[in-house]
Amino acid sequence: MNQSLLVTKRDGTTERINLDKIHRVLDWAAEGLNNVSISQVELRSHIQFYDGIKTADIHETIIKAAADLISRDAPDYQYLAARLAIFHLRKKPSVSLSRRRSTITW
């Protein structure tokens, strides 16, 4: 994997890809799961990375890579994909309810 790739962060800034950060997130999400290979998920997702990729797209690629590995022999990949998806949702910016109410016309 080319560590000189630039990624576009959620705030619009760019920085070099941090594969250790990706590995730490996968390691956290796989904690306590059986028959889950973090390296398999990394291999399946890294081939889809490109210069300028958004961090949100990286996260979605990793979720899909984990989901693609779900099988009868390795059902815990469903939990890995779910944990990654929840983590991804929590990172998305949200609009507060009060801001939504102010945009509704009655």
C-alpha atoms as a PDB file:
ATOM      1  CA  MET A   1       0.000   0.000   0.000  1.00  0.00           C
ATOM      2  CA  ASN A   2       1.321   3.393  -0.973  1.00  0.00           C
ATOM      3  CA  GLN A   3       1.539   5.479   2.213  1.00  0.00           C
ATOM      4  CA  SER A   4       2.056   8.652   0.188  1.00  0.00           C
ATOM      5  CA  LEU A   5      -1.610   8.704  -0.870  1.00  0.00           C
ATOM      6  CA  LEU A   6      -3.468  11.817   0.215  1.00  0.00           C
ATOM      7  CA  VAL A   7      -6.881  11.542   1.833  1.00  0.00           C
ATOM      8  CA  THR A   8      -9.520  14.241   2.122  1.00  0.00           C
ATOM      9  CA  LYS A   9     -10.802  14.510   5.668  1.00  0.00           C
ATOM     10  CA  ARG A  10     -14.411  15.262   6.585  1.00  0.00           C
ATOM     11  CA  ASP A  11     -13.544  18.929   7.183  1.00  0.00           C
ATOM     12  CA  GLY A  12     -12.065  19.258   3.670  1.00  0.00           C
ATOM     13  CA  THR A  13      -8.388  19.250   4.642  1.00  0.00           C
ATOM     14  CA  THR A  14      -5.971  16.741   3.142  1.00  0.00           C
ATOM     15  CA  GLU A  15      -3.278  14.631   4.765  1.00  0.00           C
ATOM     16  CA  ARG A  16      -1.265  11.507   4.052  1.00  0.00           C
ATOM     17  CA  ILE A  17      -3.123   8.242   4.563  1.00  0.00           C
ATOM     18  CA  ASN A  18      -2.559   6.790   8.027  1.00  0.00           C
ATOM     19  CA  LEU A  19      -2.753   3.016   7.720  1.00  0.00           C
ATOM     20  CA  ASP A  20      -2.042   2.620  11.439  1.00  0.00           C
ATOM     21  CA  LYS A  21      -5.207   4.574  12.231  1.00  0.00           C
ATOM     22  CA  ILE A  22      -7.233   2.295   9.945  1.00  0.00           C
ATOM     23  CA  HIS A  23      -5.667  -0.753  11.609  1.00  0.00           C
ATOM     24  CA  ARG A  24      -6.492   0.578  15.102  1.00  0.00           C
ATOM     25  CA  VAL A  25     -10.158   1.092  14.165  1.00  0.00           C
ATOM     26  CA  LEU A  26     -10.356  -2.431  12.733  1.00  0.00           C
ATOM     27  CA  ASP A  27      -8.596  -3.840  15.787  1.00  0.00           C
ATOM     28  CA  TRP A  28     -11.096  -2.091  18.073  1.00  0.00           C
ATOM     29  CA  ALA A  29     -14.092  -3.283  16.027  1.00  0.00           C
ATOM     30  CA  ALA A  30     -12.844  -6.898  15.954  1.00  0.00           C
ATOM     31  CA  GLU A  31     -12.301  -7.148  19.702  1.00  0.00           C
ATOM     32  CA  GLY A  32     -13.888 -10.317  21.087  1.00  0.00           C
ATOM     33  CA  LEU A  33     -14.964 -11.652  17.683  1.00  0.00           C
ATOM     34  CA  ASN A  34     -14.124 -15.148  16.430  1.00  0.00           C
ATOM     35  CA  ASN A  35     -12.743 -16.152  13.016  1.00  0.00           C
ATOM     36  CA  VAL A  36     -12.271 -12.537  11.936  1.00  0.00           C
ATOM     37  CA  SER A  37      -9.099 -11.581  10.075  1.00  0.00           C
ATOM     38  CA  ILE A  38      -8.290  -7.886  10.190  1.00  0.00           C
ATOM     39  CA  SER A  39      -5.616  -8.395   7.545  1.00  0.00           C
ATOM     40  CA  GLN A  40      -8.196  -9.917   5.160  1.00  0.00           C
ATOM     41  CA  VAL A  41     -10.405  -6.843   5.549  1.00  0.00           C
ATOM     42  CA  GLU A  42      -7.407  -4.552   5.065  1.00  0.00           C
ATOM     43  CA  LEU A  43      -6.268  -6.385   1.930  1.00  0.00           C
ATOM     44  CA  ARG A  44      -9.746  -6.296   0.384  1.00  0.00           C
ATOM     45  CA  SER A  45     -10.196  -2.607   1.095  1.00  0.00           C
ATOM     46  CA  HIS A  46      -6.694  -1.232   0.383  1.00  0.00           C
ATOM     47  CA  ILE A  47      -6.818  -2.178  -3.288  1.00  0.00           C
ATOM     48  CA  GLN A  48      -9.722   0.249  -3.670  1.00  0.00           C
ATOM     49  CA  PHE A  49      -7.948   3.287  -2.197  1.00  0.00           C
ATOM     50  CA  TYR A  50      -6.802   6.086  -4.504  1.00  0.00           C
ATOM     51  CA  ASP A  51      -5.136   9.480  -4.173  1.00  0.00           C
ATOM     52  CA  GLY A  52      -7.595  12.062  -2.832  1.00  0.00           C
ATOM     53  CA  ILE A  53     -10.088   9.514  -1.472  1.00  0.00           C
ATOM     54  CA  LYS A  54     -12.372  10.891   1.229  1.00  0.00           C
ATOM     55  CA  THR A  55     -12.031   9.394   4.689  1.00  0.00           C
ATOM     56  CA  ALA A  56     -15.776   8.688   4.647  1.00  0.00           C
ATOM     57  CA  ASP A  57     -15.264   6.636   1.461  1.00  0.00           C
ATOM     58  CA  ILE A  58     -12.422   4.735   3.127  1.00  0.00           C
ATOM     59  CA  HIS A  59     -14.724   3.883   5.999  1.00  0.00           C
ATOM     60  CA  GLU A  60     -17.507   2.743   3.658  1.00  0.00           C
ATOM     61  CA  THR A  61     -15.023   0.617   1.687  1.00  0.00           C
ATOM     62  CA  ILE A  62     -13.855  -1.085   4.880  1.00  0.00           C
ATOM     63  CA  ILE A  63     -17.447  -1.752   5.969  1.00  0.00           C
ATOM     64  CA  LYS A  64     -18.192  -3.342   2.590  1.00  0.00           C
ATOM     65  CA  ALA A  65     -14.990  -5.414   2.724  1.00  0.00           C
ATOM     66  CA  ALA A  66     -16.017  -6.775   6.142  1.00  0.00           C
ATOM     67  CA  ALA A  67     -19.577  -7.469   4.982  1.00  0.00           C
ATOM     68  CA  ASP A  68     -18.294  -9.313   1.903  1.00  0.00           C
ATOM     69  CA  LEU A  69     -16.468 -11.745   4.195  1.00  0.00           C
ATOM     70  CA  ILE A  70     -19.602 -12.834   6.085  1.00  0.00           C
ATOM     71  CA  SER A  71     -20.079 -16.567   5.654  1.00  0.00           C
ATOM     72  CA  ARG A  72     -21.496 -19.591   7.410  1.00  0.00           C
ATOM     73  CA  ASP A  73     -17.977 -20.382   8.644  1.00  0.00           C
ATOM     74  CA  ALA A  74     -17.235 -16.795   9.736  1.00  0.00           C
ATOM     75  CA  PRO A  75     -20.507 -15.177  10.839  1.00  0.00           C
ATOM     76  CA  ASP A  76     -18.757 -12.707  13.165  1.00  0.00           C
ATOM     77  CA  TYR A  77     -17.875 -10.537  10.179  1.00  0.00           C
ATOM     78  CA  GLN A  78     -21.481  -9.309  10.429  1.00  0.00           C
ATOM     79  CA  TYR A  79     -20.681  -7.865  13.854  1.00  0.00           C
ATOM     80  CA  LEU A  80     -17.442  -6.364  12.587  1.00  0.00           C
ATOM     81  CA  ALA A  81     -19.304  -4.674   9.720  1.00  0.00           C
ATOM     82  CA  ALA A  82     -22.032  -3.486  12.113  1.00  0.00           C
ATOM     83  CA  ARG A  83     -19.545  -2.005  14.587  1.00  0.00           C
ATOM     84  CA  LEU A  84     -17.742  -0.220  11.768  1.00  0.00           C
ATOM     85  CA  ALA A  85     -21.051   1.093  10.392  1.00  0.00           C
ATOM     86  CA  ILE A  86     -22.107   2.452  13.783  1.00  0.00           C
ATOM     87  CA  PHE A  87     -18.698   4.097  14.224  1.00  0.00           C
ATOM     88  CA  HIS A  88     -19.068   5.631  10.750  1.00  0.00           C
ATOM     89  CA  LEU A  89     -22.544   6.988  11.566  1.00  0.00           C
ATOM     90  CA  ARG A  90     -21.252   8.591  14.748  1.00  0.00           C
ATOM     91  CA  LYS A  91     -18.576  10.433  12.747  1.00  0.00           C
ATOM     92  CA  LYS A  92     -21.080  11.931  10.304  1.00  0.00           C
ATOM     93  CA  PRO A  93     -22.120  15.494  11.041  1.00  0.00           C
ATOM     94  CA  SER A  94     -25.644  15.772  12.306  1.00  0.00           C
ATOM     95  CA  VAL A  95     -28.106  18.600  12.324  1.00  0.00           C
ATOM     96  CA  SER A  96     -29.602  19.260  15.732  1.00  0.00           C
ATOM     97  CA  LEU A  97     -33.357  19.049  16.160  1.00  0.00           C
ATOM     98  CA  SER A  98     -33.592  22.747  17.032  1.00  0.00           C
ATOM     99  CA  ARG A  99     -31.838  23.681  13.778  1.00  0.00           C
ATOM    100  CA  ARG A 100     -34.203  21.415  11.842  1.00  0.00           C
ATOM    101  CA  ARG A 101     -37.237  23.033  13.437  1.00  0.00           C
ATOM    102  CA  SER A 102     -36.039  26.481  12.431  1.00  0.00           C
ATOM    103  CA  THR A 103     -35.930  25.439   8.767  1.00  0.00           C
ATOM    104  CA  ILE A 104     -39.450  24.010   8.717  1.00  0.00           C
ATOM    105  CA  THR A 105     -42.069  26.410   7.413  1.00  0.00           C
ATOM    106  CA  TRP A 106     -45.502  26.069   8.929  1.00  0.00           C
END
